[in-house]
mmCIF file of all heavy atoms, coordinates in Angstrom:
data_MODEL
# 
_entry.id   MODEL 
# 
loop_
_atom_site.group_PDB 
_atom_site.id 
_atom_site.type_symbol 
_atom_site.label_atom_id 
_atom_site.label_alt_id 
_atom_site.label_comp_id 
_atom_site.label_asym_id 
_atom_site.label_entity_id 
_atom_site.label_seq_id 
_atom_site.pdbx_PDB_ins_code 
_atom_site.Cartn_x 
_atom_site.Cartn_y 
_atom_site.Cartn_z 
_atom_site.occupancy 
_atom_site.B_iso_or_equiv 
_atom_site.pdbx_formal_charge 
_atom_site.auth_seq_id 
_atom_site.auth_comp_id 
_atom_site.auth_asym_id 
_atom_site.auth_atom_id 
_atom_site.pdbx_PDB_model_num 
ATOM 1   N N   . ARG A 1 1  ? 143.604 163.094 68.200 1.00 0.00 ? 1  ARG A N   1 
ATOM 2   C CA  . ARG A 1 1  ? 143.929 162.168 69.281 1.00 0.00 ? 1  ARG A CA  1 
ATOM 3   C C   . ARG A 1 1  ? 144.965 162.783 70.204 1.00 0.00 ? 1  ARG A C   1 
ATOM 4   O O   . ARG A 1 1  ? 145.717 163.689 69.832 1.00 0.00 ? 1  ARG A O   1 
ATOM 5   C CB  . ARG A 1 1  ? 144.444 160.840 68.718 1.00 0.00 ? 1  ARG A CB  1 
ATOM 6   C CG  . ARG A 1 1  ? 145.882 160.870 68.208 1.00 0.00 ? 1  ARG A CG  1 
ATOM 7   C CD  . ARG A 1 1  ? 146.263 159.521 67.624 1.00 0.00 ? 1  ARG A CD  1 
ATOM 8   N NE  . ARG A 1 1  ? 147.703 159.424 67.396 1.00 0.00 ? 1  ARG A NE  1 
ATOM 9   C CZ  . ARG A 1 1  ? 148.275 158.418 66.749 1.00 0.00 ? 1  ARG A CZ  1 
ATOM 10  N NH1 . ARG A 1 1  ? 147.517 157.423 66.259 1.00 0.00 ? 1  ARG A NH1 1 
ATOM 11  N NH2 . ARG A 1 1  ? 149.575 158.379 66.590 1.00 0.00 ? 1  ARG A NH2 1 
ATOM 12  N N   . ASP A 1 2  ? 144.988 162.256 71.412 1.00 0.00 ? 2  ASP A N   1 
ATOM 13  C CA  . ASP A 1 2  ? 146.017 162.570 72.404 1.00 0.00 ? 2  ASP A CA  1 
ATOM 14  C C   . ASP A 1 2  ? 146.674 161.247 72.753 1.00 0.00 ? 2  ASP A C   1 
ATOM 15  O O   . ASP A 1 2  ? 146.101 160.448 73.505 1.00 0.00 ? 2  ASP A O   1 
ATOM 16  C CB  . ASP A 1 2  ? 145.384 163.232 73.623 1.00 0.00 ? 2  ASP A CB  1 
ATOM 17  C CG  . ASP A 1 2  ? 146.412 163.688 74.643 1.00 0.00 ? 2  ASP A CG  1 
ATOM 18  O OD1 . ASP A 1 2  ? 147.531 163.141 74.667 1.00 0.00 ? 2  ASP A OD1 1 
ATOM 19  O OD2 . ASP A 1 2  ? 146.089 164.592 75.439 1.00 0.00 ? 2  ASP A OD2 1 
ATOM 20  N N   . SER A 1 3  ? 147.842 161.011 72.205 1.00 0.00 ? 3  SER A N   1 
ATOM 21  C CA  . SER A 1 3  ? 148.513 159.726 72.419 1.00 0.00 ? 3  SER A CA  1 
ATOM 22  C C   . SER A 1 3  ? 148.885 159.520 73.879 1.00 0.00 ? 3  SER A C   1 
ATOM 23  O O   . SER A 1 3  ? 148.920 158.382 74.352 1.00 0.00 ? 3  SER A O   1 
ATOM 24  C CB  . SER A 1 3  ? 149.753 159.639 71.534 1.00 0.00 ? 3  SER A CB  1 
ATOM 25  O OG  . SER A 1 3  ? 149.400 159.650 70.165 1.00 0.00 ? 3  SER A OG  1 
ATOM 26  N N   . SER A 1 4  ? 149.154 160.599 74.590 1.00 0.00 ? 4  SER A N   1 
ATOM 27  C CA  . SER A 1 4  ? 149.527 160.464 76.008 1.00 0.00 ? 4  SER A CA  1 
ATOM 28  C C   . SER A 1 4  ? 148.357 159.948 76.834 1.00 0.00 ? 4  SER A C   1 
ATOM 29  O O   . SER A 1 4  ? 148.552 159.337 77.887 1.00 0.00 ? 4  SER A O   1 
ATOM 30  C CB  . SER A 1 4  ? 150.016 161.798 76.562 1.00 0.00 ? 4  SER A CB  1 
ATOM 31  O OG  . SER A 1 4  ? 148.966 162.743 76.631 1.00 0.00 ? 4  SER A OG  1 
ATOM 32  N N   . LYS A 1 5  ? 147.145 160.183 76.344 1.00 0.00 ? 5  LYS A N   1 
ATOM 33  C CA  . LYS A 1 5  ? 145.948 159.700 77.031 1.00 0.00 ? 5  LYS A CA  1 
ATOM 34  C C   . LYS A 1 5  ? 145.328 158.497 76.328 1.00 0.00 ? 5  LYS A C   1 
ATOM 35  O O   . LYS A 1 5  ? 144.293 157.995 76.770 1.00 0.00 ? 5  LYS A O   1 
ATOM 36  C CB  . LYS A 1 5  ? 144.917 160.828 77.121 1.00 0.00 ? 5  LYS A CB  1 
ATOM 37  C CG  . LYS A 1 5  ? 145.375 162.015 77.949 1.00 0.00 ? 5  LYS A CG  1 
ATOM 38  C CD  . LYS A 1 5  ? 144.305 163.087 78.031 1.00 0.00 ? 5  LYS A CD  1 
ATOM 39  C CE  . LYS A 1 5  ? 144.778 164.263 78.878 1.00 0.00 ? 5  LYS A CE  1 
ATOM 40  N NZ  . LYS A 1 5  ? 143.742 165.335 78.956 1.00 0.00 ? 5  LYS A NZ  1 
ATOM 41  N N   . ASN A 1 6  ? 145.937 158.093 75.216 1.00 0.00 ? 6  ASN A N   1 
ATOM 42  C CA  . ASN A 1 6  ? 145.402 156.970 74.423 1.00 0.00 ? 6  ASN A CA  1 
ATOM 43  C C   . ASN A 1 6  ? 143.923 157.187 74.099 1.00 0.00 ? 6  ASN A C   1 
ATOM 44  O O   . ASN A 1 6  ? 143.099 156.264 74.202 1.00 0.00 ? 6  ASN A O   1 
ATOM 45  C CB  . ASN A 1 6  ? 145.596 155.639 75.164 1.00 0.00 ? 6  ASN A CB  1 
ATOM 46  C CG  . ASN A 1 6  ? 146.182 154.575 74.258 1.00 0.00 ? 6  ASN A CG  1 
ATOM 47  O OD1 . ASN A 1 6  ? 146.980 154.863 73.373 1.00 0.00 ? 6  ASN A OD1 1 
ATOM 48  N ND2 . ASN A 1 6  ? 145.779 153.333 74.479 1.00 0.00 ? 6  ASN A ND2 1 
ATOM 49  N N   . THR A 1 7  ? 143.608 158.395 73.709 1.00 0.00 ? 7  THR A N   1 
ATOM 50  C CA  . THR A 1 7  ? 142.219 158.792 73.489 1.00 0.00 ? 7  THR A CA  1 
ATOM 51  C C   . THR A 1 7  ? 142.083 159.491 72.130 1.00 0.00 ? 7  THR A C   1 
ATOM 52  O O   . THR A 1 7  ? 142.943 160.293 71.754 1.00 0.00 ? 7  THR A O   1 
ATOM 53  C CB  . THR A 1 7  ? 141.741 159.727 74.605 1.00 0.00 ? 7  THR A CB  1 
ATOM 54  O OG1 . THR A 1 7  ? 141.800 159.018 75.852 1.00 0.00 ? 7  THR A OG1 1 
ATOM 55  C CG2 . THR A 1 7  ? 140.305 160.183 74.368 1.00 0.00 ? 7  THR A CG2 1 
ATOM 56  N N   . VAL A 1 8  ? 141.013 159.157 71.444 1.00 0.00 ? 8  VAL A N   1 
ATOM 57  C CA  . VAL A 1 8  ? 140.671 159.800 70.177 1.00 0.00 ? 8  VAL A CA  1 
ATOM 58  C C   . VAL A 1 8  ? 139.421 160.645 70.404 1.00 0.00 ? 8  VAL A C   1 
ATOM 59  O O   . VAL A 1 8  ? 138.505 160.222 71.117 1.00 0.00 ? 8  VAL A O   1 
ATOM 60  C CB  . VAL A 1 8  ? 140.426 158.751 69.083 1.00 0.00 ? 8  VAL A CB  1 
ATOM 61  C CG1 . VAL A 1 8  ? 139.973 159.413 67.783 1.00 0.00 ? 8  VAL A CG1 1 
ATOM 62  C CG2 . VAL A 1 8  ? 141.696 157.943 68.842 1.00 0.00 ? 8  VAL A CG2 1 
ATOM 63  N N   . TYR A 1 9  ? 139.405 161.814 69.794 1.00 0.00 ? 9  TYR A N   1 
ATOM 64  C CA  . TYR A 1 9  ? 138.303 162.744 69.975 1.00 0.00 ? 9  TYR A CA  1 
ATOM 65  C C   . TYR A 1 9  ? 137.565 162.982 68.656 1.00 0.00 ? 9  TYR A C   1 
ATOM 66  O O   . TYR A 1 9  ? 138.143 162.863 67.576 1.00 0.00 ? 9  TYR A O   1 
ATOM 67  C CB  . TYR A 1 9  ? 138.823 164.083 70.497 1.00 0.00 ? 9  TYR A CB  1 
ATOM 68  C CG  . TYR A 1 9  ? 139.587 163.969 71.791 1.00 0.00 ? 9  TYR A CG  1 
ATOM 69  C CD1 . TYR A 1 9  ? 140.969 163.957 71.806 1.00 0.00 ? 9  TYR A CD1 1 
ATOM 70  C CD2 . TYR A 1 9  ? 138.905 163.854 73.006 1.00 0.00 ? 9  TYR A CD2 1 
ATOM 71  C CE1 . TYR A 1 9  ? 141.675 163.847 72.998 1.00 0.00 ? 9  TYR A CE1 1 
ATOM 72  C CE2 . TYR A 1 9  ? 139.607 163.745 74.194 1.00 0.00 ? 9  TYR A CE2 1 
ATOM 73  C CZ  . TYR A 1 9  ? 140.994 163.737 74.180 1.00 0.00 ? 9  TYR A CZ  1 
ATOM 74  O OH  . TYR A 1 9  ? 141.681 163.611 75.366 1.00 0.00 ? 9  TYR A OH  1 
ATOM 75  N N   . LEU A 1 10 ? 136.313 163.354 68.789 1.00 0.00 ? 10 LEU A N   1 
ATOM 76  C CA  . LEU A 1 10 ? 135.537 163.831 67.648 1.00 0.00 ? 10 LEU A CA  1 
ATOM 77  C C   . LEU A 1 10 ? 134.901 165.151 68.066 1.00 0.00 ? 10 LEU A C   1 
ATOM 78  O O   . LEU A 1 10 ? 133.976 165.164 68.863 1.00 0.00 ? 10 LEU A O   1 
ATOM 79  C CB  . LEU A 1 10 ? 134.471 162.833 67.215 1.00 0.00 ? 10 LEU A CB  1 
ATOM 80  C CG  . LEU A 1 10 ? 133.740 163.198 65.919 1.00 0.00 ? 10 LEU A CG  1 
ATOM 81  C CD1 . LEU A 1 10 ? 134.689 163.106 64.733 1.00 0.00 ? 10 LEU A CD1 1 
ATOM 82  C CD2 . LEU A 1 10 ? 132.521 162.300 65.706 1.00 0.00 ? 10 LEU A CD2 1 
ATOM 83  N N   . GLU A 1 11 ? 135.469 166.233 67.551 1.00 0.00 ? 11 GLU A N   1 
ATOM 84  C CA  . GLU A 1 11 ? 134.946 167.561 67.834 1.00 0.00 ? 11 GLU A CA  1 
ATOM 85  C C   . GLU A 1 11 ? 133.869 167.869 66.804 1.00 0.00 ? 11 GLU A C   1 
ATOM 86  O O   . GLU A 1 11 ? 134.135 167.885 65.594 1.00 0.00 ? 11 GLU A O   1 
ATOM 87  C CB  . GLU A 1 11 ? 136.082 168.591 67.735 1.00 0.00 ? 11 GLU A CB  1 
ATOM 88  C CG  . GLU A 1 11 ? 135.714 169.961 68.250 1.00 0.00 ? 11 GLU A CG  1 
ATOM 89  C CD  . GLU A 1 11 ? 135.880 170.076 69.760 1.00 0.00 ? 11 GLU A CD  1 
ATOM 90  O OE1 . GLU A 1 11 ? 136.799 169.471 70.316 1.00 0.00 ? 11 GLU A OE1 1 
ATOM 91  O OE2 . GLU A 1 11 ? 135.057 170.776 70.376 1.00 0.00 ? 11 GLU A OE2 1 
ATOM 92  N N   . MET A 1 12 ? 132.664 168.117 67.302 1.00 0.00 ? 12 MET A N   1 
ATOM 93  C CA  . MET A 1 12 ? 131.521 168.327 66.410 1.00 0.00 ? 12 MET A CA  1 
ATOM 94  C C   . MET A 1 12 ? 131.008 169.749 66.587 1.00 0.00 ? 12 MET A C   1 
ATOM 95  O O   . MET A 1 12 ? 130.673 170.148 67.713 1.00 0.00 ? 12 MET A O   1 
ATOM 96  C CB  . MET A 1 12 ? 130.415 167.324 66.716 1.00 0.00 ? 12 MET A CB  1 
ATOM 97  C CG  . MET A 1 12 ? 130.895 165.874 66.709 1.00 0.00 ? 12 MET A CG  1 
ATOM 98  S SD  . MET A 1 12 ? 129.558 164.689 66.904 1.00 0.00 ? 12 MET A SD  1 
ATOM 99  C CE  . MET A 1 12 ? 129.002 165.086 68.554 1.00 0.00 ? 12 MET A CE  1 
ATOM 100 N N   . THR A 1 13 ? 130.951 170.500 65.517 1.00 0.00 ? 13 THR A N   1 
ATOM 101 C CA  . THR A 1 13 ? 130.461 171.873 65.553 1.00 0.00 ? 13 THR A CA  1 
ATOM 102 C C   . THR A 1 13 ? 129.323 172.043 64.550 1.00 0.00 ? 13 THR A C   1 
ATOM 103 O O   . THR A 1 13 ? 129.093 171.173 63.709 1.00 0.00 ? 13 THR A O   1 
ATOM 104 C CB  . THR A 1 13 ? 131.593 172.863 65.239 1.00 0.00 ? 13 THR A CB  1 
ATOM 105 O OG1 . THR A 1 13 ? 132.073 172.619 63.905 1.00 0.00 ? 13 THR A OG1 1 
ATOM 106 C CG2 . THR A 1 13 ? 132.743 172.708 66.212 1.00 0.00 ? 13 THR A CG2 1 
ATOM 107 N N   . SER A 1 14 ? 128.626 173.163 64.657 1.00 0.00 ? 14 SER A N   1 
ATOM 108 C CA  . SER A 1 14 ? 127.497 173.447 63.764 1.00 0.00 ? 14 SER A CA  1 
ATOM 109 C C   . SER A 1 14 ? 126.568 172.248 63.645 1.00 0.00 ? 14 SER A C   1 
ATOM 110 O O   . SER A 1 14 ? 126.157 171.858 62.545 1.00 0.00 ? 14 SER A O   1 
ATOM 111 C CB  . SER A 1 14 ? 128.019 173.852 62.367 1.00 0.00 ? 14 SER A CB  1 
ATOM 112 O OG  . SER A 1 14 ? 128.857 174.978 62.463 1.00 0.00 ? 14 SER A OG  1 
ATOM 113 N N   . LEU A 1 15 ? 126.231 171.683 64.780 1.00 0.00 ? 15 LEU A N   1 
ATOM 114 C CA  . LEU A 1 15 ? 125.433 170.456 64.796 1.00 0.00 ? 15 LEU A CA  1 
ATOM 115 C C   . LEU A 1 15 ? 124.035 170.688 64.244 1.00 0.00 ? 15 LEU A C   1 
ATOM 116 O O   . LEU A 1 15 ? 123.436 171.760 64.434 1.00 0.00 ? 15 LEU A O   1 
ATOM 117 C CB  . LEU A 1 15 ? 125.373 169.890 66.204 1.00 0.00 ? 15 LEU A CB  1 
ATOM 118 C CG  . LEU A 1 15 ? 126.648 169.162 66.636 1.00 0.00 ? 15 LEU A CG  1 
ATOM 119 C CD1 . LEU A 1 15 ? 126.708 168.997 68.145 1.00 0.00 ? 15 LEU A CD1 1 
ATOM 120 C CD2 . LEU A 1 15 ? 126.740 167.800 65.956 1.00 0.00 ? 15 LEU A CD2 1 
ATOM 121 N N   . LYS A 1 16 ? 123.539 169.657 63.567 1.00 0.00 ? 16 LYS A N   1 
ATOM 122 C CA  . LYS A 1 16 ? 122.223 169.691 62.950 1.00 0.00 ? 16 LYS A CA  1 
ATOM 123 C C   . LYS A 1 16 ? 121.367 168.575 63.540 1.00 0.00 ? 16 LYS A C   1 
ATOM 124 O O   . LYS A 1 16 ? 121.904 167.569 64.018 1.00 0.00 ? 16 LYS A O   1 
ATOM 125 C CB  . LYS A 1 16 ? 122.366 169.469 61.441 1.00 0.00 ? 16 LYS A CB  1 
ATOM 126 C CG  . LYS A 1 16 ? 123.309 170.433 60.754 1.00 0.00 ? 16 LYS A CG  1 
ATOM 127 C CD  . LYS A 1 16 ? 123.479 170.062 59.278 1.00 0.00 ? 16 LYS A CD  1 
ATOM 128 C CE  . LYS A 1 16 ? 124.445 171.005 58.568 1.00 0.00 ? 16 LYS A CE  1 
ATOM 129 N NZ  . LYS A 1 16 ? 124.606 170.636 57.133 1.00 0.00 ? 16 LYS A NZ  1 
ATOM 130 N N   . PRO A 1 17 ? 120.061 168.702 63.456 1.00 0.00 ? 17 PRO A N   1 
ATOM 131 C CA  . PRO A 1 17 ? 119.200 167.614 63.962 1.00 0.00 ? 17 PRO A CA  1 
ATOM 132 C C   . PRO A 1 17 ? 119.525 166.260 63.321 1.00 0.00 ? 17 PRO A C   1 
ATOM 133 O O   . PRO A 1 17 ? 119.415 165.222 63.988 1.00 0.00 ? 17 PRO A O   1 
ATOM 134 C CB  . PRO A 1 17 ? 117.799 168.098 63.590 1.00 0.00 ? 17 PRO A CB  1 
ATOM 135 C CG  . PRO A 1 17 ? 117.906 169.584 63.617 1.00 0.00 ? 17 PRO A CG  1 
ATOM 136 C CD  . PRO A 1 17 ? 119.278 169.887 63.070 1.00 0.00 ? 17 PRO A CD  1 
ATOM 137 N N   . GLU A 1 18 ? 119.948 166.258 62.085 1.00 0.00 ? 18 GLU A N   1 
ATOM 138 C CA  . GLU A 1 18 ? 120.276 164.997 61.416 1.00 0.00 ? 18 GLU A CA  1 
ATOM 139 C C   . GLU A 1 18 ? 121.577 164.374 61.917 1.00 0.00 ? 18 GLU A C   1 
ATOM 140 O O   . GLU A 1 18 ? 121.926 163.260 61.529 1.00 0.00 ? 18 GLU A O   1 
ATOM 141 C CB  . GLU A 1 18 ? 120.343 165.178 59.893 1.00 0.00 ? 18 GLU A CB  1 
ATOM 142 C CG  . GLU A 1 18 ? 121.223 166.317 59.428 1.00 0.00 ? 18 GLU A CG  1 
ATOM 143 C CD  . GLU A 1 18 ? 120.427 167.585 59.160 1.00 0.00 ? 18 GLU A CD  1 
ATOM 144 O OE1 . GLU A 1 18 ? 119.516 167.921 59.962 1.00 0.00 ? 18 GLU A OE1 1 
ATOM 145 O OE2 . GLU A 1 18 ? 120.726 168.255 58.147 1.00 0.00 ? 18 GLU A OE2 1 
ATOM 146 N N   . ASP A 1 19 ? 122.287 165.061 62.785 1.00 0.00 ? 19 ASP A N   1 
ATOM 147 C CA  . ASP A 1 19 ? 123.473 164.470 63.427 1.00 0.00 ? 19 ASP A CA  1 
ATOM 148 C C   . ASP A 1 19 ? 123.094 163.622 64.644 1.00 0.00 ? 19 ASP A C   1 
ATOM 149 O O   . ASP A 1 19 ? 123.959 162.966 65.238 1.00 0.00 ? 19 ASP A O   1 
ATOM 150 C CB  . ASP A 1 19 ? 124.450 165.555 63.870 1.00 0.00 ? 19 ASP A CB  1 
ATOM 151 C CG  . ASP A 1 19 ? 125.063 166.318 62.705 1.00 0.00 ? 19 ASP A CG  1 
ATOM 152 O OD1 . ASP A 1 19 ? 125.417 165.676 61.706 1.00 0.00 ? 19 ASP A OD1 1 
ATOM 153 O OD2 . ASP A 1 19 ? 125.172 167.554 62.805 1.00 0.00 ? 19 ASP A OD2 1 
ATOM 154 N N   . THR A 1 20 ? 121.826 163.642 64.995 1.00 0.00 ? 20 THR A N   1 
ATOM 155 C CA  . THR A 1 20 ? 121.357 162.867 66.142 1.00 0.00 ? 20 THR A CA  1 
ATOM 156 C C   . THR A 1 20 ? 121.579 161.379 65.937 1.00 0.00 ? 20 THR A C   1 
ATOM 157 O O   . THR A 1 20 ? 121.334 160.857 64.844 1.00 0.00 ? 20 THR A O   1 
ATOM 158 C CB  . THR A 1 20 ? 119.866 163.145 66.382 1.00 0.00 ? 20 THR A CB  1 
ATOM 159 O OG1 . THR A 1 20 ? 119.721 164.505 66.790 1.00 0.00 ? 20 THR A OG1 1 
ATOM 160 C CG2 . THR A 1 20 ? 119.298 162.229 67.451 1.00 0.00 ? 20 THR A CG2 1 
ATOM 161 N N   . GLY A 1 21 ? 122.031 160.714 66.988 1.00 0.00 ? 21 GLY A N   1 
ATOM 162 C CA  . GLY A 1 21 ? 122.234 159.280 66.929 1.00 0.00 ? 21 GLY A CA  1 
ATOM 163 C C   . GLY A 1 21 ? 123.160 158.810 68.033 1.00 0.00 ? 21 GLY A C   1 
ATOM 164 O O   . GLY A 1 21 ? 123.655 159.614 68.831 1.00 0.00 ? 21 GLY A O   1 
ATOM 165 N N   . VAL A 1 22 ? 123.380 157.517 68.054 1.00 0.00 ? 22 VAL A N   1 
ATOM 166 C CA  . VAL A 1 22 ? 124.367 156.946 68.967 1.00 0.00 ? 22 VAL A CA  1 
ATOM 167 C C   . VAL A 1 22 ? 125.697 156.896 68.222 1.00 0.00 ? 22 VAL A C   1 
ATOM 168 O O   . VAL A 1 22 ? 125.773 156.363 67.112 1.00 0.00 ? 22 VAL A O   1 
ATOM 169 C CB  . VAL A 1 22 ? 123.962 155.546 69.439 1.00 0.00 ? 22 VAL A CB  1 
ATOM 170 C CG1 . VAL A 1 22 ? 125.027 154.992 70.389 1.00 0.00 ? 22 VAL A CG1 1 
ATOM 171 C CG2 . VAL A 1 22 ? 122.600 155.577 70.118 1.00 0.00 ? 22 VAL A CG2 1 
ATOM 172 N N   . TYR A 1 23 ? 126.720 157.450 68.842 1.00 0.00 ? 23 TYR A N   1 
ATOM 173 C CA  . TYR A 1 23 ? 128.038 157.523 68.226 1.00 0.00 ? 23 TYR A CA  1 
ATOM 174 C C   . TYR A 1 23 ? 128.943 156.457 68.844 1.00 0.00 ? 23 TYR A C   1 
ATOM 175 O O   . TYR A 1 23 ? 129.008 156.318 70.067 1.00 0.00 ? 23 TYR A O   1 
ATOM 176 C CB  . TYR A 1 23 ? 128.636 158.904 68.408 1.00 0.00 ? 23 TYR A CB  1 
ATOM 177 C CG  . TYR A 1 23 ? 128.057 159.914 67.444 1.00 0.00 ? 23 TYR A CG  1 
ATOM 178 C CD1 . TYR A 1 23 ? 126.745 160.351 67.574 1.00 0.00 ? 23 TYR A CD1 1 
ATOM 179 C CD2 . TYR A 1 23 ? 128.816 160.425 66.397 1.00 0.00 ? 23 TYR A CD2 1 
ATOM 180 C CE1 . TYR A 1 23 ? 126.196 161.268 66.678 1.00 0.00 ? 23 TYR A CE1 1 
ATOM 181 C CE2 . TYR A 1 23 ? 128.281 161.339 65.495 1.00 0.00 ? 23 TYR A CE2 1 
ATOM 182 C CZ  . TYR A 1 23 ? 126.971 161.744 65.645 1.00 0.00 ? 23 TYR A CZ  1 
ATOM 183 O OH  . TYR A 1 23 ? 126.442 162.648 64.752 1.00 0.00 ? 23 TYR A OH  1 
ATOM 184 N N   . PHE A 1 24 ? 129.613 155.741 67.964 1.00 0.00 ? 24 PHE A N   1 
ATOM 185 C CA  . PHE A 1 24 ? 130.504 154.658 68.365 1.00 0.00 ? 24 PHE A CA  1 
ATOM 186 C C   . PHE A 1 24 ? 131.903 154.908 67.823 1.00 0.00 ? 24 PHE A C   1 
ATOM 187 O O   . PHE A 1 24 ? 132.067 155.522 66.770 1.00 0.00 ? 24 PHE A O   1 
ATOM 188 C CB  . PHE A 1 24 ? 130.040 153.320 67.787 1.00 0.00 ? 24 PHE A CB  1 
ATOM 189 C CG  . PHE A 1 24 ? 128.646 152.911 68.157 1.00 0.00 ? 24 PHE A CG  1 
ATOM 190 C CD1 . PHE A 1 24 ? 127.557 153.315 67.405 1.00 0.00 ? 24 PHE A CD1 1 
ATOM 191 C CD2 . PHE A 1 24 ? 128.428 152.071 69.249 1.00 0.00 ? 24 PHE A CD2 1 
ATOM 192 C CE1 . PHE A 1 24 ? 126.267 152.922 67.731 1.00 0.00 ? 24 PHE A CE1 1 
ATOM 193 C CE2 . PHE A 1 24 ? 127.147 151.668 69.580 1.00 0.00 ? 24 PHE A CE2 1 
ATOM 194 C CZ  . PHE A 1 24 ? 126.068 152.092 68.829 1.00 0.00 ? 24 PHE A CZ  1 
ATOM 195 N N   . CYS A 1 25 ? 132.893 154.392 68.523 1.00 0.00 ? 25 CYS A N   1 
ATOM 196 C CA  . CYS A 1 25 ? 134.225 154.324 67.942 1.00 0.00 ? 25 CYS A CA  1 
ATOM 197 C C   . CYS A 1 25 ? 134.607 152.848 67.795 1.00 0.00 ? 25 CYS A C   1 
ATOM 198 O O   . CYS A 1 25 ? 134.074 151.977 68.499 1.00 0.00 ? 25 CYS A O   1 
ATOM 199 C CB  . CYS A 1 25 ? 135.249 155.087 68.766 1.00 0.00 ? 25 CYS A CB  1 
ATOM 200 S SG  . CYS A 1 25 ? 135.443 154.566 70.466 1.00 0.00 ? 25 CYS A SG  1 
ATOM 201 N N   . ALA A 1 26 ? 135.518 152.596 66.880 1.00 0.00 ? 26 ALA A N   1 
ATOM 202 C CA  . ALA A 1 26 ? 135.954 151.228 66.615 1.00 0.00 ? 26 ALA A CA  1 
ATOM 203 C C   . ALA A 1 26 ? 137.392 151.263 66.123 1.00 0.00 ? 26 ALA A C   1 
ATOM 204 O O   . ALA A 1 26 ? 137.878 152.300 65.652 1.00 0.00 ? 26 ALA A O   1 
ATOM 205 C CB  . ALA A 1 26 ? 135.049 150.561 65.592 1.00 0.00 ? 26 ALA A CB  1 
ATOM 206 N N   . ALA A 1 27 ? 138.071 150.127 66.217 1.00 0.00 ? 27 ALA A N   1 
ATOM 207 C CA  . ALA A 1 27 ? 139.482 150.038 65.876 1.00 0.00 ? 27 ALA A CA  1 
ATOM 208 C C   . ALA A 1 27 ? 139.710 149.026 64.762 1.00 0.00 ? 27 ALA A C   1 
ATOM 209 O O   . ALA A 1 27 ? 139.033 147.989 64.708 1.00 0.00 ? 27 ALA A O   1 
ATOM 210 C CB  . ALA A 1 27 ? 140.287 149.644 67.112 1.00 0.00 ? 27 ALA A CB  1 
# 
């Protein structure tokens, strides 16, 4: 996260076809 931007990140590497989908964040 970057608190100064009030933003959370998800860095995804070595992606696979099974990672396909709609990604959501929640609190």
